[in-house]
Amino acid sequence: KSLELKPDNPDALMNLGGIYKQLGNLDQALASTLKSLELNPDNPTAHMNLGGIYKELGNLDQALACTFKSLELKPDNPTAHMNLGGIYKELGQLDQALAATLKSLELKPDNPDAHMNLGSIYQELGNLDQAFASYSSALKLKPNCPKSNWNLSLTMLLTGDYKNGWEKYEYRFGSKQVSLFQVPYIKEWSGENFEEIKQLLIVGEQGIGDMLHFMRYIKPLRSKGISVKFHAQTKLHSLIKASGIDASPLNDKEASQITEGQWVALLSIPRILGVCPDNPIITEPCIKGKDKLIEKWESAFSDKKQPIIGINWKGNRKDIIKNTRDIPIEHFAEMNNKNEATFVSLQRSSQSSELNEIWSTQNKLGLQDEISKIADSDDPEDFLEYASIVANCNLVITTDTTVAHLAAGMGVPT
């Protein structure tokens, strides 16, 4: 309405861009902010906002340039320094991220968001004590901030404080970084009064690896006499059945039609059961392939050099910080040339050019094309076969991704 009355108002256009950004309409946010800067090129706030939009779009070089321009026009803007720290963190330049965020807090010591960002940088640097202190400072200023509480929970879990870590982990759904399938007709279970729970819907959450890792805790709930229904990604259903976790896992539609009992999120179960190193609850392998498929791949590998080593060098990650977990491919090429073993790629979406760096001509695995097709499939039966391939590995070497949870959950040295 403001722009209808005054179409060339740069401040209104800048504000419109900010609203579009909050709505997630990044293209409209970009257009409005660029139009604002056409009309007023020296507005430091608009340049800062533009940097934030470019960051959301994944264009970190442009985000950096816009934020530098904002600081050139207004050097003592604490928000711009905080944003600069966030961009540097996304770029994996943690020392610069730390310096920029500390500068922001020097200019505005009572900004809870800057303290929270500082904590996440310290955590990536491995300085957990400083991370804990920074998150605590953020929560003193803004006690119920979901993201700060969730970040603090991860630091607590990393330092072995499982009791408080699991409690604060419940803030994950308010952080906007973790979403949950909504169950319309039944209420959430807090974990109390086991004897009163007759039917419990366990709602799957987060990634495939999280599901594989935490579904082991369904059996202890059943042992307490609770009738459990398990909601999970369809891709996992065949493996869940073969593993004896649940005979009839539910898809989204089936879970949404449950009208009796209560529900709980899968990763809330460790808090309810009091899982910690002294009380692990489940210590035996909990994931199983299908016998026929395991035998099929045992036969397929029978004429290969032993041991069979499954490798996975990349995760499905978009940000640079998490990409640093990936394993340089040349390490596997060097190992392959030095060891009497058969290397099997468990990599999803593996590039043939990358694979060629690993497989030498005398040790090329003829089954690799078939394994890659199975790894890349979303068919539940193919995922079950993928698990059966992993079951035939004597060793799995992997980055922190689905394969780690799958192989270790099957009892394969990982």
Protein backbone atom coordinates (compact mmCIF):
# COMPACT_ATOMS: atom_id res chain seq x y z
CA LYS A 1 0.00 0.00 0.00
CA SER A 2 2.89 2.30 0.87
CA LEU A 3 4.48 1.65 -2.52
CA GLU A 4 1.17 2.21 -4.28
CA LEU A 5 1.17 5.71 -2.78
CA LYS A 6 4.88 6.29 -3.37
CA PRO A 7 6.39 3.75 -5.80
CA ASP A 8 9.96 5.05 -5.56
CA ASN A 9 10.32 4.94 -1.77
CA PRO A 10 13.65 3.12 -1.20
CA ASP A 11 12.92 2.43 2.48
CA ALA A 12 9.57 0.80 1.71
CA LEU A 13 11.23 -1.33 -0.99
CA MET A 14 13.95 -2.35 1.48
CA ASN A 15 11.31 -3.28 4.07
CA LEU A 16 9.36 -5.25 1.47
CA GLY A 17 12.55 -7.17 0.69
CA GLY A 18 12.94 -7.97 4.38
CA ILE A 19 9.37 -9.30 4.58
CA TYR A 20 9.83 -11.45 1.47
CA LYS A 21 13.04 -12.87 2.99
CA GLN A 22 11.23 -13.86 6.18
CA LEU A 23 8.52 -15.50 4.07
CA GLY A 24 11.20 -17.46 2.20
CA ASN A 25 10.45 -15.72 -1.11
CA LEU A 26 14.10 -15.02 -1.86
CA ASP A 27 13.76 -14.00 -5.51
CA GLN A 28 11.21 -11.31 -4.60
CA ALA A 29 13.37 -10.27 -1.63
CA LEU A 30 16.36 -9.88 -3.96
CA ALA A 31 14.41 -7.87 -6.54
CA SER A 32 12.94 -5.47 -3.95
CA THR A 33 16.27 -4.88 -2.22
CA LEU A 34 18.14 -4.31 -5.49
CA LYS A 35 15.43 -1.81 -6.53
CA SER A 36 15.84 -0.04 -3.17
CA LEU A 37 19.60 0.25 -3.75
CA GLU A 38 19.05 1.61 -7.27
CA LEU A 39 17.16 4.48 -5.65
CA ASN A 40 19.51 4.88 -2.67
CA PRO A 41 22.92 3.29 -3.37
CA ASP A 42 24.47 4.51 -0.09
CA ASN A 43 22.09 2.81 2.35
CA PRO A 44 24.26 0.55 4.57
CA THR A 45 21.24 -1.35 5.91
CA ALA A 46 20.04 -2.26 2.41
CA HIS A 47 23.54 -3.52 1.49
CA MET A 48 23.59 -5.57 4.71
CA ASN A 49 20.14 -6.98 3.94
CA LEU A 50 21.22 -7.82 0.41
CA GLY A 51 24.16 -9.73 1.84
CA GLY A 52 21.76 -11.74 4.00
CA ILE A 53 19.62 -12.61 0.98
CA TYR A 54 22.64 -13.72 -1.06
CA LYS A 55 23.74 -15.87 1.90
CA GLU A 56 20.32 -17.57 1.94
CA LEU A 57 20.60 -18.11 -1.81
CA GLY A 58 23.98 -19.77 -1.32
CA ASN A 59 25.91 -17.04 -3.16
CA LEU A 60 28.50 -16.49 -0.43
CA ASP A 61 30.91 -14.39 -2.52
CA GLN A 62 28.16 -11.85 -3.26
CA ALA A 63 27.03 -12.01 0.37
CA LEU A 64 30.56 -11.16 1.50
CA ALA A 65 30.88 -8.28 -0.99
CA CYS A 66 27.55 -6.72 0.06
CA THR A 67 28.36 -6.98 3.75
CA PHE A 68 31.78 -5.40 3.19
CA LYS A 69 30.06 -2.55 1.32
CA SER A 70 27.66 -2.08 4.24
CA LEU A 71 30.57 -1.90 6.69
CA GLU A 72 32.40 0.53 4.42
CA LEU A 73 29.39 2.86 4.70
CA LYS A 74 28.82 2.17 8.42
CA PRO A 75 31.91 0.59 10.05
CA ASP A 76 30.48 0.26 13.57
CA ASN A 77 27.29 -1.66 12.75
CA PRO A 78 27.27 -4.66 15.13
CA THR A 79 24.65 -6.53 13.10
CA ALA A 80 26.72 -6.30 9.92
CA HIS A 81 29.78 -7.63 11.78
CA MET A 82 27.67 -10.49 13.16
CA ASN A 83 26.39 -11.26 9.64
CA LEU A 84 29.96 -11.16 8.34
CA GLY A 85 30.88 -13.77 10.96
CA GLY A 86 28.03 -15.97 9.75
CA ILE A 87 29.17 -15.75 6.13
CA TYR A 88 32.76 -16.57 7.05
CA LYS A 89 31.50 -19.57 9.03
CA GLU A 90 29.56 -20.82 5.99
CA LEU A 91 32.75 -20.40 3.95
CA GLY A 92 34.64 -22.52 6.49
CA GLN A 93 36.90 -19.59 7.43
CA LEU A 94 36.46 -20.01 11.17
CA ASP A 95 39.22 -17.66 12.36
CA GLN A 96 37.70 -14.76 10.39
CA ALA A 97 34.23 -15.78 11.59
CA LEU A 98 35.45 -15.65 15.19
CA ALA A 99 37.08 -12.22 14.76
CA ALA A 100 33.99 -10.68 13.10
CA THR A 101 31.62 -12.06 15.76
CA LEU A 102 33.83 -10.89 18.62
CA LYS A 103 33.89 -7.43 16.99
CA SER A 104 30.08 -7.46 16.86
CA LEU A 105 29.92 -8.27 20.58
CA GLU A 106 32.47 -5.58 21.36
CA LEU A 107 30.07 -3.07 19.77
CA LYS A 108 26.91 -4.63 21.26
CA PRO A 109 27.68 -6.96 24.20
CA ASP A 110 24.03 -7.74 24.99
CA ASN A 111 23.06 -9.29 21.62
CA PRO A 112 21.90 -12.88 22.31
CA ASP A 113 22.08 -13.83 18.61
CA ALA A 114 25.75 -12.87 18.43
CA HIS A 115 26.53 -14.90 21.57
CA MET A 116 24.71 -17.87 20.02
CA ASN A 117 26.66 -17.51 16.75
CA LEU A 118 29.89 -17.26 18.72
CA GLY A 119 29.03 -20.52 20.47
CA SER A 120 28.49 -22.31 17.14
CA ILE A 121 31.88 -21.07 15.87
CA TYR A 122 33.64 -22.26 19.03
CA GLN A 123 31.87 -25.59 18.68
CA GLU A 124 33.13 -26.01 15.09
CA LEU A 125 36.62 -25.10 16.34
CA GLY A 126 36.34 -27.86 18.94
CA ASN A 127 36.44 -25.45 21.88
CA LEU A 128 33.46 -26.88 23.76
CA ASP A 129 34.04 -24.98 27.01
CA GLN A 130 33.89 -21.66 25.19
CA ALA A 131 30.89 -22.86 23.18
CA PHE A 132 29.09 -23.76 26.41
CA ALA A 133 29.90 -20.33 27.89
CA SER A 134 28.69 -18.49 24.79
CA TYR A 135 25.39 -20.39 24.59
CA SER A 136 24.88 -19.80 28.32
CA SER A 137 25.44 -16.05 27.79
CA ALA A 138 22.89 -16.08 24.95
CA LEU A 139 20.33 -17.82 27.17
CA LYS A 140 20.83 -15.35 30.03
CA LEU A 141 19.79 -12.61 27.60
CA LYS A 142 17.05 -14.66 25.87
CA PRO A 143 16.19 -17.67 28.09
CA ASN A 144 13.68 -19.47 25.89
CA CYS A 145 15.47 -19.15 22.56
CA PRO A 146 14.95 -22.58 20.91
CA LYS A 147 18.08 -22.43 18.74
CA SER A 148 20.42 -21.50 21.61
CA ASN A 149 18.90 -24.21 23.81
CA TRP A 150 19.23 -26.79 21.04
CA ASN A 151 22.83 -25.80 20.28
CA LEU A 152 23.62 -26.00 23.99
CA SER A 153 22.09 -29.49 24.10
CA LEU A 154 24.50 -30.68 21.40
CA THR A 155 27.45 -29.28 23.35
CA MET A 156 26.21 -31.02 26.51
CA LEU A 157 25.90 -34.33 24.68
CA LEU A 158 29.39 -33.91 23.21
CA THR A 159 30.83 -33.34 26.69
CA GLY A 160 29.00 -36.34 28.19
CA ASP A 161 26.20 -34.53 30.05
CA TYR A 162 23.50 -36.81 28.67
CA LYS A 163 20.80 -36.04 31.24
CA ASN A 164 20.72 -32.28 30.62
CA GLY A 165 21.66 -32.72 26.96
CA TRP A 166 18.62 -34.89 26.20
CA GLU A 167 16.35 -32.50 28.13
CA LYS A 168 17.46 -29.48 26.11
CA TYR A 169 17.43 -31.52 22.88
CA GLU A 170 13.64 -31.18 23.06
CA TYR A 171 14.08 -27.59 21.85
CA ARG A 172 15.07 -28.87 18.38
CA PHE A 173 11.62 -28.45 16.84
CA GLY A 174 11.39 -24.79 17.83
CA SER A 175 14.76 -24.05 16.25
CA LYS A 176 13.36 -24.10 12.67
CA GLN A 177 16.27 -26.37 11.72
CA VAL A 178 14.38 -29.59 12.49
CA SER A 179 10.81 -30.18 11.35
CA LEU A 180 8.43 -32.91 12.48
CA PHE A 181 5.52 -34.70 10.85
CA GLN A 182 2.35 -33.49 12.59
CA VAL A 183 -0.06 -36.02 14.10
CA PRO A 184 -3.54 -34.41 14.09
CA TYR A 185 -5.70 -36.57 16.36
CA ILE A 186 -3.67 -37.72 19.38
CA LYS A 187 -1.63 -35.96 22.03
CA GLU A 188 2.11 -36.08 22.61
CA TRP A 189 3.51 -38.36 25.29
CA SER A 190 5.92 -36.74 27.75
CA GLY A 191 7.50 -40.03 28.79
CA GLU A 192 5.72 -40.47 32.11
CA ASN A 193 3.36 -43.19 33.38
CA PHE A 194 4.53 -46.09 31.21
CA GLU A 195 1.82 -48.32 32.65
CA GLU A 196 -0.94 -46.03 31.33
CA ILE A 197 0.26 -46.05 27.72
CA LYS A 198 -1.66 -48.65 25.73
CA GLN A 199 -0.77 -47.54 22.20
CA LEU A 200 2.13 -45.34 21.15
CA LEU A 201 2.87 -43.91 17.72
CA ILE A 202 6.59 -43.27 17.27
CA VAL A 203 7.09 -40.50 14.72
CA GLY A 204 10.24 -40.64 12.62
CA GLU A 205 12.29 -37.49 12.22
CA GLN A 206 15.36 -35.97 10.60
CA GLY A 207 17.51 -37.98 8.16
CA ILE A 208 17.81 -41.64 7.19
CA GLY A 209 20.90 -41.99 9.39
CA ASP A 210 19.04 -40.67 12.44
CA MET A 211 16.23 -43.15 11.83
CA LEU A 212 18.64 -46.08 11.52
CA HIS A 213 20.56 -45.00 14.60
CA PHE A 214 17.66 -44.48 17.00
CA MET A 215 15.07 -47.06 15.91
CA ARG A 216 16.87 -49.57 18.18
CA TYR A 217 15.04 -48.03 21.16
CA ILE A 218 11.62 -49.19 19.95
CA LYS A 219 12.20 -52.72 21.27
CA PRO A 220 12.73 -51.63 24.92
CA LEU A 221 9.41 -49.75 24.79
CA ARG A 222 7.65 -52.88 23.55
CA SER A 223 9.26 -54.87 26.36
CA LYS A 224 7.41 -52.59 28.78
CA GLY A 225 4.09 -53.81 27.37
CA ILE A 226 3.44 -50.81 25.11
CA SER A 227 1.78 -51.46 21.74
CA VAL A 228 3.99 -49.52 19.32
CA LYS A 229 3.31 -48.26 15.80
CA PHE A 230 6.33 -46.86 13.95
CA HIS A 231 6.13 -44.09 11.33
CA ALA A 232 9.15 -44.03 9.01
CA GLN A 233 10.28 -43.07 5.52
CA THR A 234 8.86 -45.60 3.03
CA LYS A 235 12.37 -46.28 1.76
CA LEU A 236 13.23 -47.91 5.10
CA HIS A 237 10.14 -50.12 5.50
CA SER A 238 11.62 -53.34 4.10
CA LEU A 239 14.76 -53.00 6.23
CA ILE A 240 12.71 -52.20 9.36
CA LYS A 241 10.67 -55.38 8.82
CA ALA A 242 13.73 -57.55 8.10
CA SER A 243 15.41 -56.21 11.26
CA GLY A 244 12.45 -57.16 13.43
CA ILE A 245 11.97 -53.53 14.53
CA ASP A 246 8.34 -53.33 13.35
CA ALA A 247 6.28 -55.75 11.27
CA SER A 248 4.08 -53.02 9.72
CA PRO A 249 5.76 -49.59 9.64
CA LEU A 250 3.48 -46.69 8.68
CA ASN A 251 3.82 -44.10 5.92
CA ASP A 252 2.74 -40.44 6.32
CA LYS A 253 -0.87 -41.06 5.30
CA GLU A 254 -1.31 -44.05 7.62
CA ALA A 255 0.26 -42.21 10.56
CA SER A 256 -2.01 -39.20 10.04
CA GLN A 257 -5.08 -41.42 10.43
CA ILE A 258 -4.17 -42.76 13.90
CA THR A 259 -6.87 -41.66 16.37
CA GLU A 260 -6.04 -43.64 19.52
CA GLY A 261 -3.19 -43.53 22.02
CA GLN A 262 -0.36 -40.99 22.13
CA TRP A 263 2.66 -40.13 20.02
CA VAL A 264 6.33 -39.40 20.65
CA ALA A 265 9.20 -38.29 18.37
CA LEU A 266 11.82 -40.98 17.75
CA LEU A 267 14.78 -38.96 19.05
CA SER A 268 12.93 -38.15 22.28
CA ILE A 269 13.05 -41.80 23.34
CA PRO A 270 16.67 -41.71 24.66
CA ARG A 271 15.61 -38.99 27.13
CA ILE A 272 12.64 -41.07 28.26
CA LEU A 273 14.76 -44.20 28.69
CA GLY A 274 17.66 -42.34 30.31
CA VAL A 275 20.19 -43.41 27.68
CA CYS A 276 23.81 -42.61 28.59
CA PRO A 277 27.18 -44.42 28.46
CA ASP A 278 26.42 -46.14 31.76
CA ASN A 279 22.91 -47.05 30.59
CA PRO A 280 23.12 -47.74 26.83
CA ILE A 281 19.98 -49.95 26.85
CA ILE A 282 20.85 -51.62 23.51
CA THR A 283 24.41 -52.80 22.81
CA GLU A 284 23.86 -55.56 20.24
CA PRO A 285 23.53 -55.08 16.45
CA CYS A 286 19.94 -54.09 15.69
CA ILE A 287 19.83 -53.92 11.87
CA LYS A 288 19.69 -57.01 9.66
CA GLY A 289 19.63 -57.62 5.93
CA LYS A 290 17.64 -60.35 4.23
CA ASP A 291 19.27 -63.80 4.38
CA LYS A 292 18.73 -64.54 0.68
CA LEU A 293 20.25 -61.21 -0.35
CA ILE A 294 23.17 -61.57 2.07
CA GLU A 295 23.90 -64.99 0.56
CA LYS A 296 23.60 -63.54 -2.96
CA TRP A 297 26.30 -60.96 -2.26
CA GLU A 298 28.46 -63.38 -0.30
CA SER A 299 28.54 -65.50 -3.45
CA ALA A 300 29.19 -62.44 -5.66
CA PHE A 301 32.21 -61.47 -3.53
CA SER A 302 33.52 -65.04 -3.13
CA ASP A 303 36.17 -64.75 -5.83
CA LYS A 304 37.36 -61.30 -4.76
CA LYS A 305 40.43 -60.50 -2.72
CA GLN A 306 39.73 -60.45 0.99
CA PRO A 307 38.98 -58.46 3.03
CA ILE A 308 36.04 -56.66 1.40
CA ILE A 309 36.27 -52.97 2.39
CA GLY A 310 33.21 -50.75 1.81
CA ILE A 311 34.00 -47.08 1.39
CA ASN A 312 31.90 -43.90 1.39
CA TRP A 313 33.70 -40.58 1.04
CA LYS A 314 30.94 -38.00 0.66
CA GLY A 315 27.82 -36.97 2.54
CA ASN A 316 24.73 -35.24 1.17
CA ARG A 317 25.63 -31.79 2.46
CA LYS A 318 25.31 -28.32 1.03
CA ASP A 319 27.25 -26.12 3.45
CA ILE A 320 31.03 -25.91 3.31
CA ILE A 321 31.56 -26.62 7.04
CA LYS A 322 29.86 -30.02 6.75
CA ASN A 323 31.61 -30.75 3.47
CA THR A 324 34.89 -30.66 5.41
CA ARG A 325 33.84 -34.00 6.93
CA ASP A 326 34.26 -35.62 3.50
CA ILE A 327 37.27 -37.88 2.96
CA PRO A 328 39.69 -36.88 0.18
CA ILE A 329 39.33 -39.46 -2.57
CA GLU A 330 43.10 -39.75 -3.07
CA HIS A 331 43.44 -41.41 0.36
CA PHE A 332 41.37 -44.35 -0.88
CA ALA A 333 43.33 -44.51 -4.14
CA GLU A 334 46.57 -44.76 -2.17
CA MET A 335 45.12 -47.45 0.13
CA ASN A 336 43.78 -49.42 -2.83
CA ASN A 337 47.22 -49.53 -4.45
CA LYS A 338 48.97 -50.64 -1.25
CA ASN A 339 46.57 -53.26 0.14
CA GLU A 340 45.61 -56.78 -0.83
CA ALA A 341 41.86 -56.19 -0.50
CA THR A 342 38.74 -55.51 -2.53
CA PHE A 343 37.35 -51.99 -2.23
CA VAL A 344 33.59 -51.61 -2.76
CA SER A 345 32.02 -48.17 -3.24
CA LEU A 346 28.97 -47.70 -1.02
CA GLN A 347 28.72 -44.10 -2.23
CA ARG A 348 25.38 -42.71 -3.36
CA SER A 349 25.53 -40.63 -6.55
CA SER A 350 29.19 -41.55 -6.98
CA GLN A 351 30.95 -39.92 -9.90
CA SER A 352 32.53 -42.34 -12.35
CA SER A 353 35.56 -40.06 -12.63
CA GLU A 354 36.07 -40.22 -8.87
CA LEU A 355 35.66 -44.01 -8.87
CA ASN A 356 38.32 -44.32 -11.58
CA GLU A 357 40.80 -42.70 -9.20
CA ILE A 358 40.26 -45.60 -6.79
CA TRP A 359 39.94 -48.70 -8.95
CA SER A 360 43.22 -49.69 -10.47
CA THR A 361 43.01 -51.81 -13.64
CA GLN A 362 44.11 -54.98 -11.85
CA ASN A 363 41.62 -54.54 -8.98
CA LYS A 364 38.54 -53.24 -10.77
CA LEU A 365 35.35 -54.64 -9.25
CA GLY A 366 33.01 -55.79 -12.02
CA LEU A 367 29.98 -55.55 -9.73
CA GLN A 368 30.42 -51.83 -9.07
CA ASP A 369 27.87 -50.60 -11.61
CA GLU A 370 25.18 -52.82 -10.08
CA ILE A 371 26.10 -51.72 -6.55
CA SER A 372 25.94 -48.03 -7.57
CA LYS A 373 22.45 -48.48 -9.05
CA ILE A 374 21.24 -50.11 -5.84
CA ALA A 375 22.87 -47.37 -3.72
CA ASP A 376 21.14 -44.64 -5.74
CA SER A 377 17.68 -46.25 -5.73
CA ASP A 378 14.81 -45.06 -3.53
CA ASP A 379 13.00 -48.40 -3.76
CA PRO A 380 12.56 -50.00 -0.28
CA GLU A 381 13.65 -53.42 -1.58
CA ASP A 382 16.81 -51.88 -3.02
CA PHE A 383 17.66 -50.27 0.31
CA LEU A 384 17.28 -53.70 1.92
CA GLU A 385 19.67 -55.09 -0.70
CA TYR A 386 22.05 -52.20 -0.03
CA ALA A 387 22.11 -53.27 3.63
CA SER A 388 22.84 -56.83 2.53
CA ILE A 389 25.85 -55.59 0.54
CA VAL A 390 27.09 -53.74 3.62
CA ALA A 391 26.60 -56.93 5.68
CA ASN A 392 29.19 -58.64 3.46
CA CYS A 393 31.88 -56.05 4.14
CA ASN A 394 34.63 -56.96 6.58
CA LEU A 395 35.20 -53.27 7.21
CA VAL A 396 33.45 -50.01 6.31
CA ILE A 397 35.32 -46.70 6.13
CA THR A 398 32.93 -43.77 5.81
CA THR A 399 32.35 -40.12 6.45
CA ASP A 400 29.61 -39.14 8.93
CA THR A 401 26.57 -40.07 6.86
CA THR A 402 23.86 -42.75 6.52
CA VAL A 403 26.41 -45.51 5.84
CA ALA A 404 28.01 -45.02 9.27
CA HIS A 405 24.72 -45.62 11.09
CA LEU A 406 23.75 -48.52 8.83
CA ALA A 407 27.06 -50.42 9.00
CA ALA A 408 27.63 -49.93 12.72
CA GLY A 409 24.01 -50.83 13.45
CA MET A 410 24.63 -54.15 11.64
CA GLY A 411 27.73 -54.88 13.71
CA VAL A 412 30.16 -54.32 10.84
CA PRO A 413 33.46 -52.75 12.05
CA THR A 414 33.07 -49.12 10.97
